[in-house]
Protein backbone atom coordinates (compact mmCIF):
# COMPACT_ATOMS: atom_id res chain seq x y z
CA MET A 1 10.73 27.99 22.79
CA LYS A 2 7.08 29.08 23.00
CA ARG A 3 7.32 30.70 19.56
CA PHE A 4 8.71 27.47 18.10
CA VAL A 5 5.86 25.40 19.54
CA PHE A 6 3.26 27.96 18.42
CA ALA A 7 4.74 28.12 14.90
CA ASN A 8 4.73 24.33 14.55
CA PHE A 9 1.17 24.14 15.84
CA PHE A 10 0.07 26.85 13.39
CA ILE A 11 1.75 25.06 10.47
CA LEU A 12 0.13 21.75 11.46
CA ILE A 13 -3.33 23.36 11.58
CA LEU A 14 -2.72 25.11 8.25
CA PHE A 15 -1.71 21.88 6.51
CA SER A 16 -4.66 19.97 7.94
CA LEU A 17 -7.03 22.64 6.59
CA MET A 18 -5.34 22.49 3.18
CA LEU A 19 -5.73 18.71 2.99
CA ASN A 20 -9.46 18.95 3.61
CA ALA A 21 -10.01 21.56 0.88
CA GLN A 22 -11.66 20.49 -2.35
CA ILE A 23 -9.50 21.02 -5.43
CA ASP A 24 -11.16 22.74 -8.38
CA MET A 25 -9.63 21.19 -11.51
CA GLU A 26 -10.81 24.22 -13.55
CA LEU A 27 -8.07 26.26 -11.86
CA PHE A 28 -5.47 24.06 -13.54
CA SER A 29 -7.08 23.96 -17.01
CA GLY A 30 -4.72 26.60 -18.43
CA MET A 31 -1.58 24.79 -17.28
CA LYS A 32 0.49 22.89 -19.84
CA ALA A 33 3.36 20.47 -19.31
CA ARG A 34 6.79 22.08 -19.63
CA CYS A 35 10.38 21.17 -18.94
CA ILE A 36 11.55 22.74 -15.68
CA GLY A 37 14.48 20.52 -14.80
CA PRO A 38 17.15 18.24 -16.14
CA ALA A 39 16.47 16.32 -19.34
CA GLY A 40 16.65 12.91 -17.65
CA MET A 41 14.08 11.73 -15.14
CA SER A 42 15.32 10.99 -11.66
CA GLY A 43 14.08 8.43 -9.20
CA ARG A 44 12.47 5.20 -10.17
CA VAL A 45 10.08 6.54 -12.84
CA ALA A 46 10.80 5.21 -16.34
CA ALA A 47 7.98 6.83 -18.35
CA VAL A 48 5.13 9.34 -18.04
CA ASP A 49 2.30 9.72 -20.55
CA ALA A 50 -1.17 11.25 -20.70
CA VAL A 51 -4.21 10.56 -22.86
CA VAL A 52 -4.50 13.29 -25.51
CA SER A 53 -8.31 13.27 -25.57
CA ASN A 54 -8.49 13.35 -21.74
CA PRO A 55 -5.37 14.91 -20.12
CA ALA A 56 -6.70 14.06 -16.64
CA ILE A 57 -5.74 10.43 -17.33
CA ILE A 58 -2.01 10.00 -16.69
CA TYR A 59 0.07 6.83 -16.75
CA VAL A 60 3.42 6.47 -14.98
CA GLY A 61 5.67 3.48 -15.58
CA ALA A 62 8.02 2.53 -12.77
CA ALA A 63 11.54 1.26 -13.41
CA THR A 64 10.68 -1.86 -11.41
CA GLY A 65 7.88 -2.74 -13.84
CA GLY A 66 4.85 -1.28 -12.05
CA LEU A 67 2.25 0.91 -13.75
CA TRP A 68 0.36 3.73 -12.03
CA LYS A 69 -2.80 5.38 -13.40
CA SER A 70 -4.37 8.66 -12.34
CA THR A 71 -7.80 9.80 -13.52
CA SER A 72 -7.59 13.10 -11.61
CA GLY A 73 -4.66 14.74 -13.36
CA GLY A 74 -2.14 13.39 -10.86
CA ILE A 75 -3.98 14.43 -7.69
CA THR A 76 -4.71 10.80 -6.75
CA TRP A 77 -3.30 7.55 -8.11
């Protein structure tokens, strides 16, 4: 039981440290979009698009009619 509590505490501390870390967008500059799953989108997302001249700007259209915009490459919306 003590190991379980210690492991959960360690994981909680680790995640809290990760959330406070600053994300360097340069690390992701070499990444390109690719298909890694089924052809159809799941969930309530109807469309995803990015601005060609600025790939950090992403738009997501929800099936219910909402529109989400990210200017940080999908980190925040």
